[in-house]
PDB file of N, CA and C in Angstrom:
ATOM      1  N   UNK A   1      96.971   7.287 134.724  1.00  0.00           N
ATOM      2  CA  UNK A   1      97.431   7.821 135.910  1.00  0.00           C
ATOM      3  C   UNK A   1      98.414   8.964 135.438  1.00  0.00           C
ATOM      4  N   UNK A   2      99.326   8.589 134.356  1.00  0.00           N
ATOM      5  CA  UNK A   2     100.469   9.705 134.084  1.00  0.00           C
ATOM      6  C   UNK A   2      99.560  10.746 133.377  1.00  0.00           C
ATOM      7  N   UNK A   3      98.562  10.321 132.349  1.00  0.00           N
ATOM      8  CA  UNK A   3      97.854  11.389 131.938  1.00  0.00           C
ATOM      9  C   UNK A   3      96.967  12.327 132.895  1.00  0.00           C
ATOM     10  N   UNK A   4      96.629  11.746 134.097  1.00  0.00           N
ATOM     11  CA  UNK A   4      96.052  12.601 134.971  1.00  0.00           C
ATOM     12  C   UNK A   4      97.055  13.478 135.816  1.00  0.00           C
ATOM     13  N   UNK A   5      98.230  12.999 136.175  1.00  0.00           N
ATOM     14  CA  UNK A   5      99.269  13.864 136.470  1.00  0.00           C
ATOM     15  C   UNK A   5      99.605  15.034 135.820  1.00  0.00           C
ATOM     16  N   UNK A   6      99.654  14.629 134.410  1.00  0.00           N
ATOM     17  CA  UNK A   6     100.068  15.667 133.448  1.00  0.00           C
ATOM     18  C   UNK A   6      99.113  16.799 133.364  1.00  0.00           C
ATOM     19  N   UNK A   7      97.783  16.249 133.364  1.00  0.00           N
ATOM     20  CA  UNK A   7      96.766  17.245 133.383  1.00  0.00           C
ATOM     21  C   UNK A   7      96.593  18.259 134.533  1.00  0.00           C
ATOM     22  N   UNK A   8      96.939  17.364 135.941  1.00  0.00           N
ATOM     23  CA  UNK A   8      96.824  18.137 136.907  1.00  0.00           C
ATOM     24  C   UNK A   8      98.112  19.137 136.834  1.00  0.00           C
ATOM     25  N   UNK A   9      99.136  18.878 136.748  1.00  0.00           N
ATOM     26  CA  UNK A   9     100.229  19.836 136.472  1.00  0.00           C
ATOM     27  C   UNK A   9      99.867  20.972 135.512  1.00  0.00           C
ATOM     28  N   UNK A  10      99.550  20.780 134.258  1.00  0.00           N
ATOM     29  CA  UNK A  10      99.185  21.958 133.577  1.00  0.00           C
ATOM     30  C   UNK A  10      97.875  22.709 134.075  1.00  0.00           C
ATOM     31  N   UNK A  11      97.035  22.160 134.823  1.00  0.00           N
ATOM     32  CA  UNK A  11      96.098  22.952 135.217  1.00  0.00           C
ATOM     33  C   UNK A  11      96.557  23.953 136.380  1.00  0.00           C
ATOM     34  N   UNK A  12      97.731  23.226 137.291  1.00  0.00           N
ATOM     35  CA  UNK A  12      98.184  24.089 138.153  1.00  0.00           C
ATOM     36  C   UNK A  12      99.127  25.183 137.583  1.00  0.00           C
ATOM     37  N   UNK A  13      99.867  24.913 136.671  1.00  0.00           N
ATOM     38  CA  UNK A  13     100.645  25.997 135.743  1.00  0.00           C
ATOM     39  C   UNK A  13      99.580  26.883 135.290  1.00  0.00           C
ATOM     40  N   UNK A  14      98.453  26.720 134.844  1.00  0.00           N
ATOM     41  CA  UNK A  14      97.465  27.631 134.374  1.00  0.00           C
ATOM     42  C   UNK A  14      97.016  28.651 135.636  1.00  0.00           C
ATOM     43  N   UNK A  15      96.639  27.935 136.409  1.00  0.00           N
ATOM     44  CA  UNK A  15      96.266  28.398 137.575  1.00  0.00           C
ATOM     45  C   UNK A  15      97.203  29.694 138.114  1.00  0.00           C
ATOM     46  N   UNK A  16      98.642  28.969 138.221  1.00  0.00           N
ATOM     47  CA  UNK A  16      99.669  29.834 138.760  1.00  0.00           C
ATOM     48  C   UNK A  16     100.257  31.021 137.719  1.00  0.00           C
ATOM     49  N   UNK A  17     100.007  31.004 136.466  1.00  0.00           N
ATOM     50  CA  UNK A  17     100.121  32.073 135.505  1.00  0.00           C
ATOM     51  C   UNK A  17      99.210  32.978 135.467  1.00  0.00           C
ATOM     52  N   UNK A  18      97.772  32.435 135.908  1.00  0.00           N
ATOM     53  CA  UNK A  18      96.756  33.538 135.877  1.00  0.00           C
ATOM     54  C   UNK A  18      97.023  34.269 137.044  1.00  0.00           C
ATOM     55  N   UNK A  19      97.263  33.828 138.282  1.00  0.00           N
ATOM     56  CA  UNK A  19      97.597  34.262 139.564  1.00  0.00           C
ATOM     57  C   UNK A  19      98.593  35.342 139.416  1.00  0.00           C
ATOM     58  N   UNK A  20      99.729  34.956 138.681  1.00  0.00           N
ATOM     59  CA  UNK A  20     100.720  35.893 138.489  1.00  0.00           C
ATOM     60  C   UNK A  20     100.700  37.012 137.668  1.00  0.00           C
ATOM     61  N   UNK A  21      99.958  36.739 136.693  1.00  0.00           N
ATOM     62  CA  UNK A  21      99.546  37.833 135.503  1.00  0.00           C
ATOM     63  C   UNK A  21      98.644  38.739 136.429  1.00  0.00           C
ATOM     64  N   UNK A  22      97.736  38.325 137.358  1.00  0.00           N
ATOM     65  CA  UNK A  22      96.734  39.201 137.823  1.00  0.00           C
ATOM     66  C   UNK A  22      97.762  40.190 138.909  1.00  0.00           C
ATOM     67  N   UNK A  23      98.646  39.698 139.466  1.00  0.00           N
ATOM     68  CA  UNK A  23      99.421  40.215 140.418  1.00  0.00           C
ATOM     69  C   UNK A  23     100.569  41.210 139.672  1.00  0.00           C
ATOM     70  N   UNK A  24     101.047  40.766 138.551  1.00  0.00           N
ATOM     71  CA  UNK A  24     102.176  41.257 137.781  1.00  0.00           C
ATOM     72  C   UNK A  24     101.887  41.461 136.313  1.00  0.00           C
ATOM     73  N   UNK A  25     100.983  42.089 135.797  1.00  0.00           N
ATOM     74  CA  UNK A  25     100.629  42.174 134.332  1.00  0.00           C
ATOM     75  C   UNK A  25     101.758  42.387 133.577  1.00  0.00           C
ATOM     76  N   UNK A  26     102.781  43.291 133.906  1.00  0.00           N
ATOM     77  CA  UNK A  26     103.816  43.749 133.176  1.00  0.00           C
ATOM     78  C   UNK A  26     105.020  42.568 133.111  1.00  0.00           C
ATOM     79  N   UNK A  27     104.875  41.334 133.836  1.00  0.00           N
ATOM     80  CA  UNK A  27     105.543  40.401 133.742  1.00  0.00           C
ATOM     81  C   UNK A  27     105.964  39.825 132.612  1.00  0.00           C
ATOM     82  N   UNK A  28     107.327  39.496 132.393  1.00  0.00           N
ATOM     83  CA  UNK A  28     107.528  38.884 130.696  1.00  0.00           C
ATOM     84  C   UNK A  28     107.435  37.379 131.022  1.00  0.00           C
ATOM     85  N   UNK A  29     107.185  36.693 130.030  1.00  0.00           N
ATOM     86  CA  UNK A  29     107.221  35.247 130.296  1.00  0.00           C
ATOM     87  C   UNK A  29     108.269  34.423 130.841  1.00  0.00           C
ATOM     88  N   UNK A  30     109.417  35.419 130.397  1.00  0.00           N
ATOM     89  CA  UNK A  30     110.719  34.735 131.191  1.00  0.00           C
ATOM     90  C   UNK A  30     110.752  34.638 132.817  1.00  0.00           C
ATOM     91  N   UNK A  31     110.077  36.008 133.297  1.00  0.00           N
ATOM     92  CA  UNK A  31     109.641  36.422 134.491  1.00  0.00           C
ATOM     93  C   UNK A  31     109.074  35.405 135.229  1.00  0.00           C
ATOM     94  N   UNK A  32     107.783  35.150 134.434  1.00  0.00           N
ATOM     95  CA  UNK A  32     106.803  34.200 134.988  1.00  0.00           C
ATOM     96  C   UNK A  32     107.328  32.759 134.987  1.00  0.00           C
ATOM     97  N   UNK A  33     108.393  32.344 134.004  1.00  0.00           N
ATOM     98  CA  UNK A  33     108.903  31.101 133.960  1.00  0.00           C
ATOM     99  C   UNK A  33     109.807  30.776 135.317  1.00  0.00           C
ATOM    100  N   UNK A  34     110.489  31.965 135.529  1.00  0.00           N
ATOM    101  CA  UNK A  34     111.474  31.918 136.787  1.00  0.00           C
ATOM    102  C   UNK A  34     110.858  31.614 137.912  1.00  0.00           C
ATOM    103  N   UNK A  35     109.551  32.687 138.061  1.00  0.00           N
ATOM    104  CA  UNK A  35     108.743  32.553 139.284  1.00  0.00           C
ATOM    105  C   UNK A  35     108.083  31.214 139.400  1.00  0.00           C
ATOM    106  N   UNK A  36     107.736  30.374 138.581  1.00  0.00           N
ATOM    107  CA  UNK A  36     106.914  29.262 138.481  1.00  0.00           C
ATOM    108  C   UNK A  36     107.909  28.065 138.467  1.00  0.00           C
ATOM    109  N   UNK A  37     109.286  28.184 138.005  1.00  0.00           N
ATOM    110  CA  UNK A  37     110.036  26.962 137.981  1.00  0.00           C
ATOM    111  C   UNK A  37     109.901  26.132 136.721  1.00  0.00           C
ATOM    112  N   UNK A  38     109.126  26.704 135.587  1.00  0.00           N
ATOM    113  CA  UNK A  38     108.973  26.104 134.496  1.00  0.00           C
ATOM    114  C   UNK A  38     109.700  26.647 133.190  1.00  0.00           C
ATOM    115  N   UNK A  39     109.958  26.154 132.047  1.00  0.00           N
ATOM    116  CA  UNK A  39     110.650  26.693 131.057  1.00  0.00           C
ATOM    117  C   UNK A  39     109.792  27.718 130.465  1.00  0.00           C
ATOM    118  N   UNK A  40     110.591  28.503 129.643  1.00  0.00           N
ATOM    119  CA  UNK A  40     109.846  29.793 129.079  1.00  0.00           C
ATOM    120  C   UNK A  40     108.939  29.169 127.887  1.00  0.00           C
ATOM    121  N   UNK A  41     109.206  27.968 127.096  1.00  0.00           N
ATOM    122  CA  UNK A  41     108.405  27.434 126.391  1.00  0.00           C
ATOM    123  C   UNK A  41     106.977  27.016 126.860  1.00  0.00           C
ATOM    124  N   UNK A  42     107.053  26.465 128.387  1.00  0.00           N
ATOM    125  CA  UNK A  42     105.771  25.716 128.717  1.00  0.00           C
ATOM    126  C   UNK A  42     104.953  27.324 129.208  1.00  0.00           C
ATOM    127  N   UNK A  43     105.475  28.276 129.672  1.00  0.00           N
ATOM    128  CA  UNK A  43     104.535  29.424 129.808  1.00  0.00           C
ATOM    129  C   UNK A  43     104.045  30.120 128.497  1.00  0.00           C
ATOM    130  N   UNK A  44     104.915  30.158 127.297  1.00  0.00           N
ATOM    131  CA  UNK A  44     104.528  30.312 125.992  1.00  0.00           C
ATOM    132  C   UNK A  44     103.259  29.692 125.656  1.00  0.00           C
ATOM    133  N   UNK A  45     103.372  28.293 125.681  1.00  0.00           N
ATOM    134  CA  UNK A  45     102.127  27.644 125.425  1.00  0.00           C
ATOM    135  C   UNK A  45     101.162  28.042 126.201  1.00  0.00           C
ATOM    136  N   UNK A  46     101.284  28.138 127.426  1.00  0.00           N
ATOM    137  CA  UNK A  46     100.324  28.143 128.630  1.00  0.00           C
ATOM    138  C   UNK A  46      99.385  29.590 128.195  1.00  0.00           C
ATOM    139  N   UNK A  47     100.421  30.786 127.975  1.00  0.00           N
ATOM    140  CA  UNK A  47      99.907  32.026 127.507  1.00  0.00           C
ATOM    141  C   UNK A  47      98.996  32.122 126.374  1.00  0.00           C
ATOM    142  N   UNK A  48      99.611  31.514 125.456  1.00  0.00           N
ATOM    143  CA  UNK A  48      98.837  31.422 124.155  1.00  0.00           C
ATOM    144  C   UNK A  48      97.445  30.799 124.358  1.00  0.00           C
ATOM    145  N   UNK A  49      97.484  29.631 125.059  1.00  0.00           N
ATOM    146  CA  UNK A  49      96.319  28.874 125.304  1.00  0.00           C
ATOM    147  C   UNK A  49      95.140  29.740 125.964  1.00  0.00           C
ATOM    148  N   UNK A  50      95.679  30.395 126.852  1.00  0.00           N
ATOM    149  CA  UNK A  50      94.775  31.274 127.511  1.00  0.00           C
ATOM    150  C   UNK A  50      94.388  32.333 126.797  1.00  0.00           C
ATOM    151  N   UNK A  51      95.020  33.000 126.066  1.00  0.00           N
ATOM    152  CA  UNK A  51      94.849  34.049 124.881  1.00  0.00           C
ATOM    153  C   UNK A  51      93.586  33.374 124.033  1.00  0.00           C
ATOM    154  N   UNK A  52      93.945  32.278 123.532  1.00  0.00           N
ATOM    155  CA  UNK A  52      93.082  31.583 122.648  1.00  0.00           C
ATOM    156  C   UNK A  52      91.749  31.422 123.150  1.00  0.00           C
ATOM    157  N   UNK A  53      91.533  30.881 124.841  1.00  0.00           N
ATOM    158  CA  UNK A  53      90.404  30.744 125.293  1.00  0.00           C
ATOM    159  C   UNK A  53      89.764  32.084 125.793  1.00  0.00           C
ATOM    160  N   UNK A  54      90.435  33.248 125.496  1.00  0.00           N
ATOM    161  CA  UNK A  54      89.875  34.504 125.871  1.00  0.00           C
ATOM    162  C   UNK A  54      89.996  34.723 127.656  1.00  0.00           C
ATOM    163  N   UNK A  55      90.835  34.056 128.250  1.00  0.00           N
ATOM    164  CA  UNK A  55      91.019  34.258 129.581  1.00  0.00           C
ATOM    165  C   UNK A  55      92.194  35.435 129.698  1.00  0.00           C
ATOM    166  N   UNK A  56      93.084  35.735 128.957  1.00  0.00           N
ATOM    167  CA  UNK A  56      93.723  37.018 128.861  1.00  0.00           C
ATOM    168  C   UNK A  56      93.861  37.614 127.695  1.00  0.00           C
ATOM    169  N   UNK A  57      94.103  38.899 127.792  1.00  0.00           N
ATOM    170  CA  UNK A  57      94.699  39.382 126.345  1.00  0.00           C
ATOM    171  C   UNK A  57      95.764  40.402 126.758  1.00  0.00           C
ATOM    172  N   UNK A  58      96.481  40.639 125.590  1.00  0.00           N
ATOM    173  CA  UNK A  58      97.752  41.403 125.419  1.00  0.00           C
ATOM    174  C   UNK A  58      97.327  42.802 125.179  1.00  0.00           C
ATOM    175  N   UNK A  59      97.657  43.853 125.878  1.00  0.00           N
ATOM    176  CA  UNK A  59      97.724  45.320 125.810  1.00  0.00           C
ATOM    177  C   UNK A  59      99.230  45.840 125.610  1.00  0.00           C
ATOM    178  N   UNK A  60      99.105  46.658 124.676  1.00  0.00           N
ATOM    179  CA  UNK A  60     100.522  47.379 124.302  1.00  0.00           C
ATOM    180  C   UNK A  60     100.235  48.694 124.929  1.00  0.00           C
ATOM    181  N   UNK A  61     101.522  49.263 125.287  1.00  0.00           N
ATOM    182  CA  UNK A  61     101.492  50.567 125.963  1.00  0.00           C
ATOM    183  C   UNK A  61     102.895  50.861 125.521  1.00  0.00           C
ATOM    184  N   UNK A  62     102.916  52.129 125.424  1.00  0.00           N
ATOM    185  CA  UNK A  62     104.414  52.815 124.989  1.00  0.00           C
ATOM    186  C   UNK A  62     105.156  53.541 126.152  1.00  0.00           C
ATOM    187  N   UNK A  63     104.722  53.456 127.296  1.00  0.00           N
ATOM    188  CA  UNK A  63     105.435  54.298 128.643  1.00  0.00           C
ATOM    189  C   UNK A  63     106.457  53.188 129.179  1.00  0.00           C
ATOM    190  N   UNK A  64     106.418  52.021 128.753  1.00  0.00           N
ATOM    191  CA  UNK A  64     106.992  50.924 129.294  1.00  0.00           C
ATOM    192  C   UNK A  64     108.488  50.940 129.169  1.00  0.00           C
ATOM    193  N   UNK A  65     109.212  50.733 130.418  1.00  0.00           N
ATOM    194  CA  UNK A  65     110.700  50.301 130.391  1.00  0.00           C
ATOM    195  C   UNK A  65     111.095  49.128 129.631  1.00  0.00           C
ATOM    196  N   UNK A  66     110.069  48.256 129.570  1.00  0.00           N
ATOM    197  CA  UNK A  66     109.989  47.062 129.095  1.00  0.00           C
ATOM    198  C   UNK A  66     110.020  47.246 127.436  1.00  0.00           C
ATOM    199  N   UNK A  67     111.218  46.656 126.695  1.00  0.00           N
ATOM    200  CA  UNK A  67     111.461  46.992 125.273  1.00  0.00           C
ATOM    201  C   UNK A  67     110.237  46.672 124.389  1.00  0.00           C
ATOM    202  N   UNK A  68     109.357  45.487 124.963  1.00  0.00           N
ATOM    203  CA  UNK A  68     108.175  44.909 124.261  1.00  0.00           C
ATOM    204  C   UNK A  68     107.283  45.643 124.710  1.00  0.00           C
ATOM    205  N   UNK A  69     106.981  46.697 125.578  1.00  0.00           N
ATOM    206  CA  UNK A  69     106.005  47.424 125.961  1.00  0.00           C
ATOM    207  C   UNK A  69     104.488  46.837 125.711  1.00  0.00           C
ATOM    208  N   UNK A  70     104.433  45.843 126.621  1.00  0.00           N
ATOM    209  CA  UNK A  70     103.010  45.002 126.649  1.00  0.00           C
ATOM    210  C   UNK A  70     102.741  44.532 128.014  1.00  0.00           C
ATOM    211  N   UNK A  71     101.451  44.338 128.515  1.00  0.00           N
ATOM    212  CA  UNK A  71     101.045  43.879 129.668  1.00  0.00           C
ATOM    213  C   UNK A  71      99.899  42.727 129.251  1.00  0.00           C
ATOM    214  N   UNK A  72      99.775  41.903 130.162  1.00  0.00           N
ATOM    215  CA  UNK A  72      98.922  40.839 130.119  1.00  0.00           C
ATOM    216  C   UNK A  72      97.652  41.188 130.863  1.00  0.00           C
ATOM    217  N   UNK A  73      96.473  41.113 130.348  1.00  0.00           N
ATOM    218  CA  UNK A  73      95.221  41.447 131.254  1.00  0.00           C
ATOM    219  C   UNK A  73      94.330  40.386 131.257  1.00  0.00           C
ATOM    220  N   UNK A  74      93.803  40.277 132.516  1.00  0.00           N
ATOM    221  CA  UNK A  74      93.060  39.061 132.757  1.00  0.00           C
ATOM    222  C   UNK A  74      91.612  39.490 132.209  1.00  0.00           C
ATOM    223  N   UNK A  75      90.845  38.817 131.447  1.00  0.00           N
ATOM    224  CA  UNK A  75      89.439  39.254 131.154  1.00  0.00           C
ATOM    225  C   UNK A  75      88.389  38.596 132.260  1.00  0.00           C
ATOM    226  N   UNK A  76      87.190  38.990 132.300  1.00  0.00           N
ATOM    227  CA  UNK A  76      86.223  38.655 132.928  1.00  0.00           C
ATOM    228  C   UNK A  76      86.331  36.850 132.958  1.00  0.00           C
ATOM    229  N   UNK A  77      86.341  36.504 131.744  1.00  0.00           N
ATOM    230  CA  UNK A  77      86.379  34.879 131.723  1.00  0.00           C
ATOM    231  C   UNK A  77      87.506  34.385 132.372  1.00  0.00           C
ATOM    232  N   UNK A  78      88.692  35.140 132.143  1.00  0.00           N
ATOM    233  CA  UNK A  78      89.865  34.688 132.903  1.00  0.00           C
ATOM    234  C   UNK A  78      89.861  34.834 134.387  1.00  0.00           C
ATOM    235  N   UNK A  79      89.057  35.946 134.894  1.00  0.00           N
ATOM    236  CA  UNK A  79      88.977  35.996 136.463  1.00  0.00           C
ATOM    237  C   UNK A  79      88.170  34.823 136.793  1.00  0.00           C
ATOM    238  N   UNK A  80      86.929  34.380 136.134  1.00  0.00           N
ATOM    239  CA  UNK A  80      86.271  33.321 136.501  1.00  0.00           C
ATOM    240  C   UNK A  80      87.079  32.069 136.617  1.00  0.00           C
ATOM    241  N   UNK A  81      87.778  31.732 135.249  1.00  0.00           N
ATOM    242  CA  UNK A  81      88.528  30.496 135.254  1.00  0.00           C
ATOM    243  C   UNK A  81      89.529  30.385 136.331  1.00  0.00           C
ATOM    244  N   UNK A  82      90.259  31.522 136.874  1.00  0.00           N
ATOM    245  CA  UNK A  82      91.219  31.687 137.748  1.00  0.00           C
ATOM    246  C   UNK A  82      90.687  31.315 139.186  1.00  0.00           C
ATOM    247  N   UNK A  83      89.320  31.694 139.467  1.00  0.00           N
ATOM    248  CA  UNK A  83      88.770  31.419 140.555  1.00  0.00           C
ATOM    249  C   UNK A  83      88.275  29.782 140.573  1.00  0.00           C
ATOM    250  N   UNK A  84      87.833  29.208 139.333  1.00  0.00           N
ATOM    251  CA  UNK A  84      87.453  27.887 139.475  1.00  0.00           C
ATOM    252  C   UNK A  84      88.555  26.811 139.700  1.00  0.00           C
ATOM    253  N   UNK A  85      89.767  27.439 139.198  1.00  0.00           N
ATOM    254  CA  UNK A  85      91.018  26.696 139.184  1.00  0.00           C
ATOM    255  C   UNK A  85      91.600  26.903 140.640  1.00  0.00           C
ATOM    256  N   UNK A  86      91.157  27.904 141.220  1.00  0.00           N
ATOM    257  CA  UNK A  86      91.691  28.187 142.574  1.00  0.00           C
ATOM    258  C   UNK A  86      90.937  27.091 143.648  1.00  0.00           C
ATOM    259  N   UNK A  87      89.598  26.770 143.415  1.00  0.00           N
ATOM    260  CA  UNK A  87      89.041  25.995 144.100  1.00  0.00           C
ATOM    261  C   UNK A  87      89.416  24.552 144.048  1.00  0.00           C
ATOM    262  N   UNK A  88      89.850  24.088 142.763  1.00  0.00           N
ATOM    263  CA  UNK A  88      90.371  22.799 142.467  1.00  0.00           C
ATOM    264  C   UNK A  88      91.807  22.681 143.019  1.00  0.00           C
ATOM    265  N   UNK A  89      92.678  23.648 142.868  1.00  0.00           N
ATOM    266  CA  UNK A  89      93.957  23.546 143.403  1.00  0.00           C
ATOM    267  C   UNK A  89      93.875  23.616 144.965  1.00  0.00           C
ATOM    268  N   UNK A  90      93.056  24.287 145.595  1.00  0.00           N
ATOM    269  CA  UNK A  90      92.996  24.218 147.070  1.00  0.00           C
ATOM    270  C   UNK A  90      92.532  22.655 147.585  1.00  0.00           C
ATOM    271  N   UNK A  91      91.513  22.269 146.833  1.00  0.00           N
ATOM    272  CA  UNK A  91      90.935  20.905 147.185  1.00  0.00           C
ATOM    273  C   UNK A  91      92.286  19.761 147.044  1.00  0.00           C
ATOM    274  N   UNK A  92      93.057  20.013 145.872  1.00  0.00           N
ATOM    275  CA  UNK A  92      94.159  18.983 145.682  1.00  0.00           C
ATOM    276  C   UNK A  92      95.094  19.174 146.724  1.00  0.00           C
ATOM    277  N   UNK A  93      95.713  20.364 147.121  1.00  0.00           N
ATOM    278  CA  UNK A  93      96.305  20.737 148.087  1.00  0.00           C
ATOM    279  C   UNK A  93      96.109  20.118 149.527  1.00  0.00           C
ATOM    280  N   UNK A  94      94.888  20.494 149.956  1.00  0.00           N
ATOM    281  CA  UNK A  94      94.207  19.972 151.056  1.00  0.00           C
ATOM    282  C   UNK A  94      94.124  18.500 151.161  1.00  0.00           C
ATOM    283  N   UNK A  95      93.926  17.767 150.215  1.00  0.00           N
ATOM    284  CA  UNK A  95      94.126  16.318 150.159  1.00  0.00           C
ATOM    285  C   UNK A  95      95.556  15.906 150.239  1.00  0.00           C
ATOM    286  N   UNK A  96      96.410  16.476 149.596  1.00  0.00           N
ATOM    287  CA  UNK A  96      97.858  16.300 149.723  1.00  0.00           C
ATOM    288  C   UNK A  96      98.330  16.433 151.013  1.00  0.00           C
ATOM    289  N   UNK A  97      97.992  17.595 151.662  1.00  0.00           N
ATOM    290  CA  UNK A  97      98.418  17.873 152.996  1.00  0.00           C
ATOM    291  C   UNK A  97      97.702  16.727 154.104  1.00  0.00           C
ATOM    292  N   UNK A  98      96.380  16.478 154.083  1.00  0.00           N
ATOM    293  CA  UNK A  98      95.908  15.462 154.838  1.00  0.00           C
ATOM    294  C   UNK A  98      96.542  14.107 154.588  1.00  0.00           C
ATOM    295  N   UNK A  99      96.877  13.592 153.372  1.00  0.00           N
ATOM    296  CA  UNK A  99      97.611  12.584 153.037  1.00  0.00           C
ATOM    297  C   UNK A  99      98.969  12.490 153.828  1.00  0.00           C
ATOM    298  N   UNK A 100      99.867  13.476 153.776  1.00  0.00           N
ATOM    299  CA  UNK A 100     101.090  13.607 154.585  1.00  0.00           C
ATOM    300  C   UNK A 100     100.931  13.778 155.975  1.00  0.00           C
ATOM    301  N   UNK A 101      99.988  14.505 156.237  1.00  0.00           N
ATOM    302  CA  UNK A 101      99.549  14.545 157.757  1.00  0.00           C
ATOM    303  C   UNK A 101      99.342  13.028 158.364  1.00  0.00           C
ATOM    304  N   UNK A 102      98.510  12.360 157.782  1.00  0.00           N
ATOM    305  CA  UNK A 102      98.165  11.006 158.090  1.00  0.00           C
ATOM    306  C   UNK A 102      99.429   9.925 158.413  1.00  0.00           C
ATOM    307  N   UNK A 103     100.264  10.238 157.172  1.00  0.00           N
ATOM    308  CA  UNK A 103     101.398   9.545 157.302  1.00  0.00           C
ATOM    309  C   UNK A 103     102.319   9.973 158.330  1.00  0.00           C
ATOM    310  N   UNK A 104     102.659  11.226 158.634  1.00  0.00           N
ATOM    311  CA  UNK A 104     103.383  11.684 159.700  1.00  0.00           C
ATOM    312  C   UNK A 104     102.948  11.186 161.066  1.00  0.00           C
ATOM    313  N   UNK A 105     101.577  11.235 161.196  1.00  0.00           N
ATOM    314  CA  UNK A 105     100.941  10.546 162.355  1.00  0.00           C
ATOM    315  C   UNK A 105     101.279   9.458 162.597  1.00  0.00           C
ATOM    316  N   UNK A 106     101.257   8.826 161.616  1.00  0.00           N
ATOM    317  CA  UNK A 106     101.368   7.328 161.523  1.00  0.00           C
ATOM    318  C   UNK A 106     102.717   7.144 162.072  1.00  0.00           C
ATOM    319  N   UNK A 107     103.810   7.499 161.348  1.00  0.00           N
ATOM    320  CA  UNK A 107     105.331   7.437 161.829  1.00  0.00           C
ATOM    321  C   UNK A 107     105.452   7.636 163.210  1.00  0.00           C
ATOM    322  N   UNK A 108     104.942   9.044 163.801  1.00  0.00           N
ATOM    323  CA  UNK A 108     105.044   9.175 165.100  1.00  0.00           C
ATOM    324  C   UNK A 108     104.547   8.146 165.923  1.00  0.00           C
ATOM    325  N   UNK A 109     103.187   7.545 165.789  1.00  0.00           N
ATOM    326  CA  UNK A 109     102.799   6.486 166.447  1.00  0.00           C
ATOM    327  C   UNK A 109     103.831   5.352 166.422  1.00  0.00           C
ATOM    328  N   UNK A 110     104.185   4.903 165.438  1.00  0.00           N
ATOM    329  CA  UNK A 110     105.185   3.682 165.211  1.00  0.00           C
ATOM    330  C   UNK A 110     106.450   3.974 166.101  1.00  0.00           C
ATOM    331  N   UNK A 111     107.086   5.099 165.865  1.00  0.00           N
ATOM    332  CA  UNK A 111     108.123   5.704 166.738  1.00  0.00           C
ATOM    333  C   UNK A 111     107.955   5.781 168.172  1.00  0.00           C
ATOM    334  N   UNK A 112     106.732   6.296 168.450  1.00  0.00           N
ATOM    335  CA  UNK A 112     106.544   6.278 169.938  1.00  0.00           C
ATOM    336  C   UNK A 112     106.147   4.926 170.620  1.00  0.00           C
ATOM    337  N   UNK A 113     105.696   4.064 169.753  1.00  0.00           N
ATOM    338  CA  UNK A 113     105.316   2.546 170.232  1.00  0.00           C
ATOM    339  C   UNK A 113     106.596   1.745 170.402  1.00  0.00           C
ATOM    340  N   UNK A 114     107.697   2.098 169.771  1.00  0.00           N
ATOM    341  CA  UNK A 114     108.942   1.763 169.867  1.00  0.00           C
ATOM    342  C   UNK A 114     109.852   2.008 171.148  1.00  0.00           C
ATOM    343  N   UNK A 115     109.308   3.255 171.751  1.00  0.00           N
ATOM    344  CA  UNK A 115     109.913   3.800 172.738  1.00  0.00           C
ATOM    345  C   UNK A 115     111.256   4.444 172.409  1.00  0.00           C
ATOM    346  N   UNK A 116     111.240   4.810 171.046  1.00  0.00           N
ATOM    347  CA  UNK A 116     112.294   5.795 170.441  1.00  0.00           C
ATOM    348  C   UNK A 116     113.708   4.772 170.076  1.00  0.00           C
ATOM    349  N   UNK A 117     113.379   3.332 170.094  1.00  0.00           N
ATOM    350  CA  UNK A 117     114.605   2.686 169.593  1.00  0.00           C
ATOM    351  C   UNK A 117     114.850   2.582 168.462  1.00  0.00           C
ATOM    352  N   UNK A 118     113.714   2.900 167.335  1.00  0.00           N
ATOM    353  CA  UNK A 118     114.259   3.060 165.880  1.00  0.00           C
ATOM    354  C   UNK A 118     115.174   4.227 165.708  1.00  0.00           C
ATOM    355  N   UNK A 119     115.217   5.287 166.630  1.00  0.00           N
ATOM    356  CA  UNK A 119     116.019   6.527 166.272  1.00  0.00           C
ATOM    357  C   UNK A 119     117.429   6.195 165.981  1.00  0.00           C
ATOM    358  N   UNK A 120     117.915   5.176 166.716  1.00  0.00           N
ATOM    359  CA  UNK A 120     119.431   5.038 166.472  1.00  0.00           C
ATOM    360  C   UNK A 120     119.738   3.859 165.399  1.00  0.00           C
ATOM    361  N   UNK A 121     118.696   3.523 164.713  1.00  0.00           N
ATOM    362  CA  UNK A 121     118.902   2.322 163.795  1.00  0.00           C
ATOM    363  C   UNK A 121     119.374   3.027 162.280  1.00  0.00           C
ATOM    364  N   UNK A 122     120.289   2.394 161.816  1.00  0.00           N
ATOM    365  CA  UNK A 122     120.403   2.622 160.218  1.00  0.00           C
ATOM    366  C   UNK A 122     120.793   3.960 159.624  1.00  0.00           C
ATOM    367  N   UNK A 123     121.193   4.725 160.559  1.00  0.00           N
ATOM    368  CA  UNK A 123     121.341   6.154 160.171  1.00  0.00           C
ATOM    369  C   UNK A 123     123.039   6.518 160.103  1.00  0.00           C
TER     370      UNK A 123
END
């Protein structure tokens, strides 16, 4: 179960990194980490893995204001991977939404059955 959560979290980070790179190819790893709320080390690990898989490549350019002068570019394989990750991400988020919605509906039902008496308890 823990391994599944870790794998899911990593997949979500990969998806979000690919999305962010597609939108802002000039973003630094620090900027990506800040935007995603993860460590720079996690982004570095993810970016290296994406490069190794051929999903992104690094292009150098000299006209950059950034001292390093590079951009990340999604490859055709990276675009396909992002699309596949997006489908799984959306499915997971919809399942989470439905679980939360069901729980909220159940709570509303419980409280409306109480006639609102539970509102004044314990708080």
